[in-house]
Amino acid sequence: ASASAAQNSEPAPLTQAFIDQKVAAARNAINTASNYLKTEAGSAEDETACHSKISAVTTKVSASQNMKITHVSLGSGHEPIGWTKRVLEQFTANPNSSQLEHHELVEINGKHVFRYMAAITNGSCLPTHTTSAFIVTEKF
């Protein structure tokens, strides 16, 4: 193997080091999205305006981070389903928990999928989105 291949190698899939690397990358992507959102949305109290800005931010960060980043919210009229609903309900049940993030590795159609969700705890988002989260997914 060449030196450049060794420098760019990721830990083997499904090892704890690999998962830790994915969690760190997801946290970084979420922090980037949060910072953009604070700058671009400010304290938007209109839910439609806020949703529009979140969509633009997640699209921008998804492209720059090579990950799929989305937003989900309970009570927004676009009810989450499956794992996103389950995790948001866990966040709602324990809003003061230090565990307002979740990650898992699943297999879907023969492909491994890393899923990460972090609650949005920014005070300006809470009046319109009582339980919201950013989601990062990556297939490999």
C-alpha atoms as a PDB file:
ATOM      1  CA  ALA A   1       0.000   0.000   0.000  1.00  0.00           C
ATOM      2  CA  SER A   2       1.204   3.503  -0.753  1.00  0.00           C
ATOM      3  CA  ALA A   3       1.948   6.076   1.939  1.00  0.00           C
ATOM      4  CA  SER A   4      -0.944   8.279   0.780  1.00  0.00           C
ATOM      5  CA  ALA A   5      -3.383   5.357   1.019  1.00  0.00           C
ATOM      6  CA  ALA A   6      -2.231   4.687   4.585  1.00  0.00           C
ATOM      7  CA  GLN A   7      -2.667   8.363   5.507  1.00  0.00           C
ATOM      8  CA  ASN A   8      -6.231   8.489   4.154  1.00  0.00           C
ATOM      9  CA  SER A   9      -7.385   5.143   5.503  1.00  0.00           C
ATOM     10  CA  GLU A  10     -10.308   4.932   7.855  1.00  0.00           C
ATOM     11  CA  PRO A  11     -10.513   2.349  10.602  1.00  0.00           C
ATOM     12  CA  ALA A  12     -12.144  -0.903   9.477  1.00  0.00           C
ATOM     13  CA  PRO A  13     -15.960  -0.676   9.314  1.00  0.00           C
ATOM     14  CA  LEU A  14     -17.883  -1.836  12.360  1.00  0.00           C
ATOM     15  CA  THR A  15     -14.998  -1.354  14.776  1.00  0.00           C
ATOM     16  CA  GLN A  16     -15.431   0.990  17.735  1.00  0.00           C
ATOM     17  CA  ALA A  17     -12.768   3.287  16.270  1.00  0.00           C
ATOM     18  CA  PHE A  18     -14.743   3.521  13.016  1.00  0.00           C
ATOM     19  CA  ILE A  19     -17.982   4.306  14.856  1.00  0.00           C
ATOM     20  CA  ASP A  20     -16.208   6.891  17.039  1.00  0.00           C
ATOM     21  CA  GLN A  21     -14.857   8.529  13.885  1.00  0.00           C
ATOM     22  CA  LYS A  22     -18.362   8.660  12.362  1.00  0.00           C
ATOM     23  CA  VAL A  23     -19.817  10.160  15.569  1.00  0.00           C
ATOM     24  CA  ALA A  24     -17.090  12.833  15.655  1.00  0.00           C
ATOM     25  CA  ALA A  25     -17.697  13.691  11.982  1.00  0.00           C
ATOM     26  CA  ALA A  26     -21.468  13.881  12.577  1.00  0.00           C
ATOM     27  CA  ARG A  27     -20.987  16.161  15.598  1.00  0.00           C
ATOM     28  CA  ASN A  28     -18.753  18.401  13.507  1.00  0.00           C
ATOM     29  CA  ALA A  29     -21.363  18.547  10.725  1.00  0.00           C
ATOM     30  CA  ILE A  30     -24.108  19.390  13.240  1.00  0.00           C
ATOM     31  CA  ASN A  31     -21.956  22.115  14.823  1.00  0.00           C
ATOM     32  CA  THR A  32     -21.349  23.578  11.373  1.00  0.00           C
ATOM     33  CA  ALA A  33     -25.092  23.489  10.603  1.00  0.00           C
ATOM     34  CA  SER A  34     -25.922  25.052  13.979  1.00  0.00           C
ATOM     35  CA  ASN A  35     -23.440  27.871  13.441  1.00  0.00           C
ATOM     36  CA  TYR A  36     -24.831  28.604   9.964  1.00  0.00           C
ATOM     37  CA  LEU A  37     -28.350  28.508  11.338  1.00  0.00           C
ATOM     38  CA  LYS A  38     -27.550  30.958  14.133  1.00  0.00           C
ATOM     39  CA  THR A  39     -26.055  33.329  11.559  1.00  0.00           C
ATOM     40  CA  GLU A  40     -28.704  32.956   8.853  1.00  0.00           C
ATOM     41  CA  ALA A  41     -31.910  32.392  10.825  1.00  0.00           C
ATOM     42  CA  GLY A  42     -31.186  34.490  13.870  1.00  0.00           C
ATOM     43  CA  SER A  43     -34.294  34.361  16.011  1.00  0.00           C
ATOM     44  CA  ALA A  44     -36.842  33.561  13.325  1.00  0.00           C
ATOM     45  CA  GLU A  45     -40.123  33.010  15.112  1.00  0.00           C
ATOM     46  CA  ASP A  46     -42.131  32.270  11.984  1.00  0.00           C
ATOM     47  CA  GLU A  47     -42.055  28.488  11.597  1.00  0.00           C
ATOM     48  CA  THR A  48     -42.213  28.618   7.790  1.00  0.00           C
ATOM     49  CA  ALA A  49     -39.230  30.985   7.610  1.00  0.00           C
ATOM     50  CA  CYS A  50     -37.321  28.912  10.135  1.00  0.00           C
ATOM     51  CA  HIS A  51     -38.024  25.676   8.241  1.00  0.00           C
ATOM     52  CA  SER A  52     -36.924  27.270   4.984  1.00  0.00           C
ATOM     53  CA  LYS A  53     -33.653  28.402   6.516  1.00  0.00           C
ATOM     54  CA  ILE A  54     -33.018  25.032   8.152  1.00  0.00           C
ATOM     55  CA  SER A  55     -33.560  23.305   4.805  1.00  0.00           C
ATOM     56  CA  ALA A  56     -31.104  25.633   3.072  1.00  0.00           C
ATOM     57  CA  VAL A  57     -28.531  25.181   5.828  1.00  0.00           C
ATOM     58  CA  THR A  58     -28.768  21.375   5.872  1.00  0.00           C
ATOM     59  CA  THR A  59     -28.463  21.258   2.079  1.00  0.00           C
ATOM     60  CA  LYS A  60     -25.376  23.490   2.182  1.00  0.00           C
ATOM     61  CA  VAL A  61     -23.678  21.551   4.974  1.00  0.00           C
ATOM     62  CA  SER A  62     -24.592  18.169   3.430  1.00  0.00           C
ATOM     63  CA  ALA A  63     -22.740  19.137   0.269  1.00  0.00           C
ATOM     64  CA  SER A  64     -19.686  20.440   2.124  1.00  0.00           C
ATOM     65  CA  GLN A  65     -19.442  17.498   4.542  1.00  0.00           C
ATOM     66  CA  ASN A  66     -20.295  14.648   2.116  1.00  0.00           C
ATOM     67  CA  MET A  67     -23.038  13.456   4.465  1.00  0.00           C
ATOM     68  CA  LYS A  68     -26.809  13.583   4.326  1.00  0.00           C
ATOM     69  CA  ILE A  69     -27.972  16.082   6.942  1.00  0.00           C
ATOM     70  CA  THR A  70     -31.648  16.728   7.546  1.00  0.00           C
ATOM     71  CA  HIS A  71     -33.936  18.213  10.171  1.00  0.00           C
ATOM     72  CA  VAL A  72     -36.927  16.680  11.913  1.00  0.00           C
ATOM     73  CA  SER A  73     -39.408  18.046  14.442  1.00  0.00           C
ATOM     74  CA  LEU A  74     -42.318  16.648  16.419  1.00  0.00           C
ATOM     75  CA  GLY A  75     -45.521  18.632  16.037  1.00  0.00           C
ATOM     76  CA  SER A  76     -44.384  20.349  12.856  1.00  0.00           C
ATOM     77  CA  GLY A  77     -47.048  18.932  10.572  1.00  0.00           C
ATOM     78  CA  HIS A  78     -44.387  16.682   9.029  1.00  0.00           C
ATOM     79  CA  GLU A  79     -44.439  13.934  11.590  1.00  0.00           C
ATOM     80  CA  PRO A  80     -41.323  11.792  11.776  1.00  0.00           C
ATOM     81  CA  ILE A  81     -41.649   8.038  11.439  1.00  0.00           C
ATOM     82  CA  GLY A  82     -39.634   4.993  12.400  1.00  0.00           C
ATOM     83  CA  TRP A  83     -36.348   5.500  14.169  1.00  0.00           C
ATOM     84  CA  THR A  84     -36.535   9.319  14.026  1.00  0.00           C
ATOM     85  CA  LYS A  85     -39.858   9.351  15.875  1.00  0.00           C
ATOM     86  CA  ARG A  86     -38.593   6.850  18.450  1.00  0.00           C
ATOM     87  CA  VAL A  87     -35.466   8.900  19.199  1.00  0.00           C
ATOM     88  CA  LEU A  88     -37.322  12.253  19.321  1.00  0.00           C
ATOM     89  CA  GLU A  89     -39.771  10.722  21.783  1.00  0.00           C
ATOM     90  CA  GLN A  90     -36.808   9.619  23.928  1.00  0.00           C
ATOM     91  CA  PHE A  91     -35.461  13.184  23.815  1.00  0.00           C
ATOM     92  CA  THR A  92     -38.913  14.503  24.830  1.00  0.00           C
ATOM     93  CA  ALA A  93     -39.174  12.057  27.727  1.00  0.00           C
ATOM     94  CA  ASN A  94     -35.823  13.243  29.143  1.00  0.00           C
ATOM     95  CA  PRO A  95     -35.398  16.882  28.020  1.00  0.00           C
ATOM     96  CA  ASN A  96     -32.847  17.678  30.739  1.00  0.00           C
ATOM     97  CA  SER A  97     -30.753  14.630  29.967  1.00  0.00           C
ATOM     98  CA  SER A  98     -27.164  15.019  28.910  1.00  0.00           C
ATOM     99  CA  GLN A  99     -27.987  12.327  26.342  1.00  0.00           C
ATOM    100  CA  LEU A 100     -29.698  14.479  23.733  1.00  0.00           C
ATOM    101  CA  GLU A 101     -27.857  12.686  20.980  1.00  0.00           C
ATOM    102  CA  HIS A 102     -28.211   9.207  19.564  1.00  0.00           C
ATOM    103  CA  HIS A 103     -26.265   7.098  17.096  1.00  0.00           C
ATOM    104  CA  GLU A 104     -26.686   3.646  15.690  1.00  0.00           C
ATOM    105  CA  LEU A 105     -25.350   1.438  12.948  1.00  0.00           C
ATOM    106  CA  VAL A 106     -27.943  -0.580  11.031  1.00  0.00           C
ATOM    107  CA  GLU A 107     -28.086  -2.670   7.903  1.00  0.00           C
ATOM    108  CA  ILE A 108     -30.625  -1.743   5.227  1.00  0.00           C
ATOM    109  CA  ASN A 109     -30.850  -3.628   1.944  1.00  0.00           C
ATOM    110  CA  GLY A 110     -27.421  -5.146   2.492  1.00  0.00           C
ATOM    111  CA  LYS A 111     -25.703  -1.796   3.172  1.00  0.00           C
ATOM    112  CA  HIS A 112     -24.497  -0.466   6.478  1.00  0.00           C
ATOM    113  CA  VAL A 113     -26.059   2.838   7.461  1.00  0.00           C
ATOM    114  CA  PHE A 114     -24.711   5.090  10.193  1.00  0.00           C
ATOM    115  CA  ARG A 115     -27.425   7.217  11.811  1.00  0.00           C
ATOM    116  CA  TYR A 116     -26.840  10.119  14.155  1.00  0.00           C
ATOM    117  CA  MET A 117     -29.366  12.476  15.705  1.00  0.00           C
ATOM    118  CA  ALA A 118     -28.756  15.462  17.989  1.00  0.00           C
ATOM    119  CA  ALA A 119     -31.491  17.511  19.620  1.00  0.00           C
ATOM    120  CA  ILE A 120     -31.581  21.187  18.738  1.00  0.00           C
ATOM    121  CA  THR A 121     -31.213  22.965  22.049  1.00  0.00           C
ATOM    122  CA  ASN A 122     -30.653  26.493  20.704  1.00  0.00           C
ATOM    123  CA  GLY A 123     -33.038  28.702  22.678  1.00  0.00           C
ATOM    124  CA  SER A 124     -34.209  30.663  19.638  1.00  0.00           C
ATOM    125  CA  CYS A 125     -35.453  27.450  17.979  1.00  0.00           C
ATOM    126  CA  LEU A 126     -37.393  26.146  20.949  1.00  0.00           C
ATOM    127  CA  PRO A 127     -40.518  28.360  20.757  1.00  0.00           C
ATOM    128  CA  THR A 128     -41.483  26.957  17.346  1.00  0.00           C
ATOM    129  CA  HIS A 129     -39.835  23.534  17.580  1.00  0.00           C
ATOM    130  CA  THR A 130     -40.290  22.070  21.032  1.00  0.00           C
ATOM    131  CA  THR A 131     -38.565  18.870  19.999  1.00  0.00           C
ATOM    132  CA  SER A 132     -36.318  19.223  16.974  1.00  0.00           C
ATOM    133  CA  ALA A 133     -33.176  17.483  15.875  1.00  0.00           C
ATOM    134  CA  PHE A 134     -30.584  17.403  13.179  1.00  0.00           C
ATOM    135  CA  ILE A 135     -30.037  14.010  11.564  1.00  0.00           C
ATOM    136  CA  VAL A 136     -26.897  12.769   9.849  1.00  0.00           C
ATOM    137  CA  THR A 137     -26.957   9.568   7.797  1.00  0.00           C
ATOM    138  CA  GLU A 138     -24.197   7.942   5.823  1.00  0.00           C
ATOM    139  CA  LYS A 139     -24.235   4.685   3.854  1.00  0.00           C
ATOM    140  CA  PHE A 140     -21.161   2.576   3.312  1.00  0.00           C
END
